[in-house]
Structures are given as C-alpha cells and as structure tokens.
Amino acid sequence: MITLYELSEDPKDFNVNHLLQNTHTYSVSSQIFSIIFLASHGVIKIVLVYALLKKKMWAFPVAISVFSLFLIYQLYRFSITNSFGILLLSIFDIIVIALTYREYKKIRREQGQKNI
C-alpha cells in the first residue's frame, strides 16, 4: 500500500522495489528480535551515556566493552543478512567507541596532571 503510488509512477524504482522485496522476507519473529535488540541497545546506551556524562570512570571501560560487543554481534548479523540498517548502526557504534575512548584518555590525562 505504501509503495503503490511510487510503483505506479516508476515500476523500476530501485529503492521502492528493494524495500518491497525486503518486507516480504521480514517475518514476525525477525520483527520481534529487531524490536528487542534495538530497545536493549538503546536502553543500555542511555544508561551508559548518562554515567559517561557524569564522568563516572568505571563507565568508560564498561561502555567501550558493551559497545564493542554490540558491534561484534552487529557485524556478525551483517555478514548473514547484508542489512544496510545494521551496517549504519555499526558505523555509528564505531564512532561512539572512538569518541568514548578519546574522552576516557583525556579525562585520565587531566586527572594525572591534577595528582602531580
């Protein structure tokens, strides 16, 4: 129903045909898994980001570890599904891991200078 108008105008539209093809293979169990995965991913990130904003030192290595585990799993899923969405989420997680590590090093360096 959503793609009907686009397909009537251009039956060869790549994006619409790709979307239509993927929705036919997207089962209810896949939808439930996606919801649970994304919800847990979001909740865990919110908790860790809150701790990071409060500059809780324990949160930095925990966040890097948890985000890395998510990344490994996402890359595994990408190798099976070739999902563009998982690839985008993985790229976002790589950026978050790099920024978290950079901030952790900066704070540790600042704390080291205060102790001198």
N, C-alpha and C. Protein backbone atom coordinates (compact mmCIF):
# COMPACT_ATOMS: atom_id res chain seq x y z
N MET A 1 0.82 -1.19 0.00
CA MET A 1 0.00 0.00 0.00
C MET A 1 0.87 1.26 0.00
N ILE A 2 1.95 1.23 0.79
CA ILE A 2 2.82 2.40 0.88
C ILE A 2 3.56 2.63 -0.44
N THR A 3 3.93 1.56 -1.10
CA THR A 3 4.73 1.67 -2.32
C THR A 3 3.91 1.74 -3.60
N LEU A 4 2.61 1.60 -3.49
CA LEU A 4 1.75 1.53 -4.67
C LEU A 4 1.88 2.76 -5.57
N TYR A 5 1.83 3.95 -5.00
CA TYR A 5 1.92 5.18 -5.78
C TYR A 5 3.26 5.27 -6.51
N GLU A 6 4.35 5.00 -5.79
CA GLU A 6 5.68 5.09 -6.39
C GLU A 6 5.83 4.09 -7.53
N LEU A 7 5.35 2.87 -7.31
CA LEU A 7 5.47 1.84 -8.35
C LEU A 7 4.60 2.14 -9.56
N SER A 8 3.47 2.80 -9.35
CA SER A 8 2.62 3.16 -10.49
C SER A 8 3.29 4.22 -11.35
N GLU A 9 4.09 5.10 -10.73
CA GLU A 9 4.82 6.12 -11.48
C GLU A 9 6.08 5.56 -12.13
N ASP A 10 6.79 4.72 -11.39
CA ASP A 10 8.04 4.15 -11.91
C ASP A 10 8.17 2.72 -11.42
N PRO A 11 7.70 1.75 -12.21
CA PRO A 11 7.74 0.35 -11.77
C PRO A 11 9.15 -0.20 -11.55
N LYS A 12 10.17 0.50 -12.06
CA LYS A 12 11.54 0.03 -11.92
C LYS A 12 12.31 0.78 -10.84
N ASP A 13 11.63 1.56 -10.01
CA ASP A 13 12.27 2.33 -8.94
C ASP A 13 13.05 1.37 -8.03
N PHE A 14 14.37 1.55 -7.98
CA PHE A 14 15.24 0.64 -7.23
C PHE A 14 14.90 0.63 -5.75
N ASN A 15 14.79 1.80 -5.15
CA ASN A 15 14.56 1.89 -3.70
C ASN A 15 13.23 1.25 -3.30
N VAL A 16 12.20 1.54 -4.02
CA VAL A 16 10.88 1.00 -3.68
C VAL A 16 10.85 -0.51 -3.88
N ASN A 17 11.42 -0.99 -4.98
CA ASN A 17 11.46 -2.43 -5.21
C ASN A 17 12.30 -3.15 -4.16
N HIS A 18 13.40 -2.53 -3.77
CA HIS A 18 14.25 -3.11 -2.72
C HIS A 18 13.50 -3.18 -1.39
N LEU A 19 12.81 -2.10 -1.04
CA LEU A 19 12.01 -2.07 0.18
C LEU A 19 10.91 -3.12 0.14
N LEU A 20 10.24 -3.22 -0.97
CA LEU A 20 9.16 -4.18 -1.13
C LEU A 20 9.68 -5.62 -1.02
N GLN A 21 10.81 -5.89 -1.63
CA GLN A 21 11.40 -7.22 -1.58
C GLN A 21 11.80 -7.59 -0.15
N ASN A 22 12.37 -6.65 0.58
CA ASN A 22 12.80 -6.93 1.96
C ASN A 22 11.63 -7.13 2.91
N THR A 23 10.53 -6.45 2.68
CA THR A 23 9.39 -6.60 3.59
C THR A 23 8.73 -7.96 3.44
N HIS A 24 8.85 -8.57 2.28
CA HIS A 24 8.26 -9.90 2.09
C HIS A 24 9.00 -10.97 2.89
N THR A 25 10.27 -10.75 3.15
CA THR A 25 11.06 -11.75 3.87
C THR A 25 11.24 -11.40 5.35
N TYR A 26 10.59 -10.36 5.80
CA TYR A 26 10.74 -9.89 7.18
C TYR A 26 9.64 -10.52 8.04
N SER A 27 9.96 -11.61 8.69
CA SER A 27 8.97 -12.38 9.44
C SER A 27 8.64 -11.70 10.77
N VAL A 28 7.59 -12.18 11.42
CA VAL A 28 7.18 -11.64 12.72
C VAL A 28 8.28 -11.88 13.74
N SER A 29 8.90 -13.05 13.72
CA SER A 29 9.99 -13.33 14.67
C SER A 29 11.17 -12.39 14.43
N SER A 30 11.44 -12.05 13.18
CA SER A 30 12.51 -11.08 12.88
C SER A 30 12.15 -9.70 13.40
N GLN A 31 10.88 -9.34 13.29
CA GLN A 31 10.42 -8.04 13.80
C GLN A 31 10.56 -7.98 15.32
N ILE A 32 10.16 -9.05 15.98
CA ILE A 32 10.26 -9.09 17.45
C ILE A 32 11.73 -9.02 17.88
N PHE A 33 12.58 -9.79 17.20
CA PHE A 33 14.02 -9.75 17.51
C PHE A 33 14.55 -8.33 17.33
N SER A 34 14.21 -7.69 16.23
CA SER A 34 14.69 -6.33 15.95
C SER A 34 14.25 -5.35 17.03
N ILE A 35 13.00 -5.47 17.45
CA ILE A 35 12.48 -4.59 18.50
C ILE A 35 13.24 -4.79 19.80
N ILE A 36 13.42 -6.04 20.20
CA ILE A 36 14.12 -6.34 21.46
C ILE A 36 15.58 -5.88 21.37
N PHE A 37 16.23 -6.18 20.25
CA PHE A 37 17.64 -5.79 20.09
C PHE A 37 17.80 -4.27 20.13
N LEU A 38 16.99 -3.56 19.35
CA LEU A 38 17.13 -2.10 19.31
C LEU A 38 16.73 -1.45 20.63
N ALA A 39 15.71 -1.99 21.29
CA ALA A 39 15.30 -1.43 22.58
C ALA A 39 16.39 -1.64 23.63
N SER A 40 16.94 -2.85 23.69
CA SER A 40 18.01 -3.11 24.67
C SER A 40 19.25 -2.28 24.33
N HIS A 41 19.57 -2.19 23.08
CA HIS A 41 20.70 -1.38 22.62
C HIS A 41 20.51 0.07 23.07
N GLY A 42 19.32 0.59 22.87
CA GLY A 42 19.03 1.98 23.25
C GLY A 42 19.06 2.21 24.75
N VAL A 43 18.42 1.32 25.51
CA VAL A 43 18.37 1.48 26.97
C VAL A 43 19.77 1.39 27.57
N ILE A 44 20.55 0.40 27.14
CA ILE A 44 21.91 0.25 27.66
C ILE A 44 22.75 1.48 27.31
N LYS A 45 22.60 1.97 26.10
CA LYS A 45 23.36 3.16 25.71
C LYS A 45 22.95 4.38 26.52
N ILE A 46 21.66 4.54 26.77
CA ILE A 46 21.20 5.69 27.56
C ILE A 46 21.80 5.65 28.96
N VAL A 47 21.77 4.49 29.59
CA VAL A 47 22.32 4.34 30.95
C VAL A 47 23.82 4.65 30.95
N LEU A 48 24.53 4.06 29.99
CA LEU A 48 25.97 4.28 29.94
C LEU A 48 26.33 5.72 29.58
N VAL A 49 25.60 6.32 28.66
CA VAL A 49 25.88 7.70 28.29
C VAL A 49 25.62 8.63 29.47
N TYR A 50 24.58 8.34 30.24
CA TYR A 50 24.31 9.14 31.45
C TYR A 50 25.50 9.06 32.41
N ALA A 51 26.00 7.84 32.62
CA ALA A 51 27.16 7.66 33.51
C ALA A 51 28.38 8.35 32.92
N LEU A 52 28.55 8.31 31.61
CA LEU A 52 29.68 8.99 30.98
C LEU A 52 29.59 10.50 31.15
N LEU A 53 28.39 11.04 31.01
CA LEU A 53 28.21 12.48 31.18
C LEU A 53 28.51 12.92 32.61
N LYS A 54 28.26 12.03 33.55
CA LYS A 54 28.58 12.30 34.96
C LYS A 54 30.06 12.03 35.26
N LYS A 55 30.80 11.62 34.20
CA LYS A 55 32.23 11.32 34.27
C LYS A 55 32.56 10.25 35.31
N LYS A 56 31.72 9.25 35.37
CA LYS A 56 31.99 8.08 36.22
C LYS A 56 33.06 7.26 35.52
N MET A 57 34.23 7.15 36.10
CA MET A 57 35.36 6.50 35.42
C MET A 57 35.08 5.03 35.09
N TRP A 58 34.31 4.34 35.92
CA TRP A 58 34.01 2.94 35.64
C TRP A 58 33.19 2.78 34.36
N ALA A 59 32.46 3.83 33.99
CA ALA A 59 31.57 3.74 32.84
C ALA A 59 32.32 3.71 31.51
N PHE A 60 33.50 4.29 31.46
CA PHE A 60 34.22 4.35 30.20
C PHE A 60 34.63 2.96 29.70
N PRO A 61 35.36 2.16 30.51
CA PRO A 61 35.71 0.82 30.01
C PRO A 61 34.48 -0.07 29.83
N VAL A 62 33.47 0.10 30.68
CA VAL A 62 32.24 -0.69 30.53
C VAL A 62 31.56 -0.33 29.22
N ALA A 63 31.44 0.96 28.94
CA ALA A 63 30.79 1.41 27.70
C ALA A 63 31.55 0.91 26.48
N ILE A 64 32.85 1.04 26.48
CA ILE A 64 33.65 0.58 25.34
C ILE A 64 33.47 -0.92 25.14
N SER A 65 33.45 -1.67 26.23
CA SER A 65 33.27 -3.13 26.14
C SER A 65 31.88 -3.49 25.62
N VAL A 66 30.86 -2.87 26.19
CA VAL A 66 29.49 -3.18 25.79
C VAL A 66 29.25 -2.77 24.33
N PHE A 67 29.70 -1.58 23.97
CA PHE A 67 29.52 -1.13 22.58
C PHE A 67 30.28 -2.03 21.62
N SER A 68 31.45 -2.51 22.04
CA SER A 68 32.23 -3.42 21.19
C SER A 68 31.52 -4.75 21.03
N LEU A 69 30.89 -5.25 22.09
CA LEU A 69 30.12 -6.49 21.99
C LEU A 69 28.94 -6.33 21.04
N PHE A 70 28.25 -5.21 21.17
CA PHE A 70 27.16 -4.93 20.23
C PHE A 70 27.70 -4.87 18.80
N LEU A 71 28.83 -4.22 18.62
CA LEU A 71 29.43 -4.09 17.29
C LEU A 71 29.78 -5.45 16.70
N ILE A 72 30.40 -6.31 17.49
CA ILE A 72 30.75 -7.65 17.02
C ILE A 72 29.50 -8.40 16.59
N TYR A 73 28.47 -8.34 17.41
CA TYR A 73 27.23 -9.03 17.06
C TYR A 73 26.60 -8.45 15.80
N GLN A 74 26.60 -7.12 15.70
CA GLN A 74 26.03 -6.47 14.53
C GLN A 74 26.78 -6.85 13.26
N LEU A 75 28.11 -6.92 13.34
CA LEU A 75 28.88 -7.31 12.16
C LEU A 75 28.62 -8.77 11.79
N TYR A 76 28.42 -9.60 12.81
CA TYR A 76 28.03 -10.99 12.55
C TYR A 76 26.68 -11.03 11.82
N ARG A 77 25.70 -10.28 12.32
CA ARG A 77 24.38 -10.23 11.68
C ARG A 77 24.48 -9.65 10.27
N PHE A 78 25.34 -8.66 10.10
CA PHE A 78 25.52 -8.09 8.77
C PHE A 78 26.07 -9.13 7.80
N SER A 79 26.99 -9.97 8.28
CA SER A 79 27.56 -10.99 7.40
C SER A 79 26.51 -11.99 6.95
N ILE A 80 25.44 -12.14 7.72
CA ILE A 80 24.36 -13.07 7.36
C ILE A 80 23.30 -12.38 6.50
N THR A 81 22.91 -11.17 6.90
CA THR A 81 21.76 -10.52 6.28
C THR A 81 22.10 -9.45 5.25
N ASN A 82 23.31 -8.90 5.31
CA ASN A 82 23.70 -7.77 4.46
C ASN A 82 22.74 -6.59 4.62
N SER A 83 22.25 -6.40 5.83
CA SER A 83 21.30 -5.33 6.12
C SER A 83 22.01 -3.98 6.18
N PHE A 84 21.53 -3.05 5.38
CA PHE A 84 22.09 -1.70 5.36
C PHE A 84 21.89 -1.01 6.71
N GLY A 85 20.76 -1.27 7.36
CA GLY A 85 20.49 -0.67 8.67
C GLY A 85 21.49 -1.10 9.73
N ILE A 86 21.82 -2.39 9.72
CA ILE A 86 22.81 -2.90 10.69
C ILE A 86 24.18 -2.30 10.39
N LEU A 87 24.49 -2.13 9.13
CA LEU A 87 25.76 -1.52 8.76
C LEU A 87 25.83 -0.08 9.27
N LEU A 88 24.76 0.68 9.10
CA LEU A 88 24.73 2.06 9.61
C LEU A 88 24.87 2.11 11.12
N LEU A 89 24.16 1.20 11.80
CA LEU A 89 24.24 1.13 13.27
C LEU A 89 25.67 0.78 13.70
N SER A 90 26.32 -0.10 12.96
CA SER A 90 27.70 -0.49 13.28
C SER A 90 28.66 0.68 13.10
N ILE A 91 28.48 1.44 12.03
CA ILE A 91 29.33 2.61 11.80
C ILE A 91 29.13 3.62 12.92
N PHE A 92 27.88 3.82 13.32
CA PHE A 92 27.59 4.73 14.43
C PHE A 92 28.27 4.24 15.71
N ASP A 93 28.22 2.93 15.98
CA ASP A 93 28.85 2.38 17.17
C ASP A 93 30.37 2.53 17.14
N ILE A 94 30.97 2.38 15.97
CA ILE A 94 32.42 2.58 15.86
C ILE A 94 32.78 4.02 16.23
N ILE A 95 31.99 4.96 15.76
CA ILE A 95 32.23 6.37 16.08
C ILE A 95 32.07 6.61 17.58
N VAL A 96 31.02 6.02 18.18
CA VAL A 96 30.78 6.19 19.61
C VAL A 96 31.92 5.58 20.42
N ILE A 97 32.40 4.41 20.02
CA ILE A 97 33.51 3.76 20.73
C ILE A 97 34.76 4.64 20.65
N ALA A 98 35.06 5.16 19.47
CA ALA A 98 36.24 6.01 19.30
C ALA A 98 36.13 7.28 20.15
N LEU A 99 34.96 7.91 20.15
CA LEU A 99 34.78 9.13 20.95
C LEU A 99 34.85 8.83 22.45
N THR A 100 34.30 7.70 22.86
CA THR A 100 34.35 7.32 24.27
C THR A 100 35.78 7.07 24.71
N TYR A 101 36.54 6.37 23.89
CA TYR A 101 37.94 6.09 24.20
C TYR A 101 38.75 7.39 24.27
N ARG A 102 38.50 8.27 23.33
CA ARG A 102 39.22 9.56 23.29
C ARG A 102 38.93 10.37 24.55
N GLU A 103 37.66 10.41 24.95
CA GLU A 103 37.29 11.16 26.16
C GLU A 103 37.89 10.52 27.41
N TYR A 104 37.91 9.20 27.46
CA TYR A 104 38.48 8.47 28.59
C TYR A 104 39.97 8.82 28.74
N LYS A 105 40.71 8.81 27.63
CA LYS A 105 42.13 9.16 27.68
C LYS A 105 42.31 10.59 28.13
N LYS A 106 41.48 11.50 27.66
CA LYS A 106 41.58 12.91 28.01
C LYS A 106 41.34 13.11 29.52
N ILE A 107 40.31 12.48 30.05
CA ILE A 107 40.00 12.63 31.48
C ILE A 107 41.10 12.02 32.34
N ARG A 108 41.60 10.86 31.94
CA ARG A 108 42.69 10.23 32.71
C ARG A 108 43.93 11.10 32.69
N ARG A 109 44.22 11.71 31.55
CA ARG A 109 45.39 12.60 31.44
C ARG A 109 45.20 13.81 32.35
N GLU A 110 43.97 14.38 32.36
CA GLU A 110 43.68 15.53 33.23
C GLU A 110 43.79 15.15 34.69
N GLN A 111 43.30 13.98 35.05
CA GLN A 111 43.39 13.53 36.43
C GLN A 111 44.84 13.28 36.84
N GLY A 112 45.64 12.79 35.91
CA GLY A 112 47.06 12.56 36.19
C GLY A 112 47.79 13.86 36.44
N GLN A 113 47.44 14.91 35.74
CA GLN A 113 48.07 16.21 35.92
C GLN A 113 47.66 16.84 37.25
N LYS A 114 46.43 16.57 37.69
CA LYS A 114 45.97 17.12 38.98
C LYS A 114 46.70 16.45 40.15
N ASN A 115 47.07 15.19 39.98
CA ASN A 115 47.73 14.45 41.06
C ASN A 115 49.20 14.80 41.19
N ILE A 116 49.76 15.50 40.22
CA ILE A 116 51.20 15.83 40.26
C ILE A 116 51.46 16.99 41.14
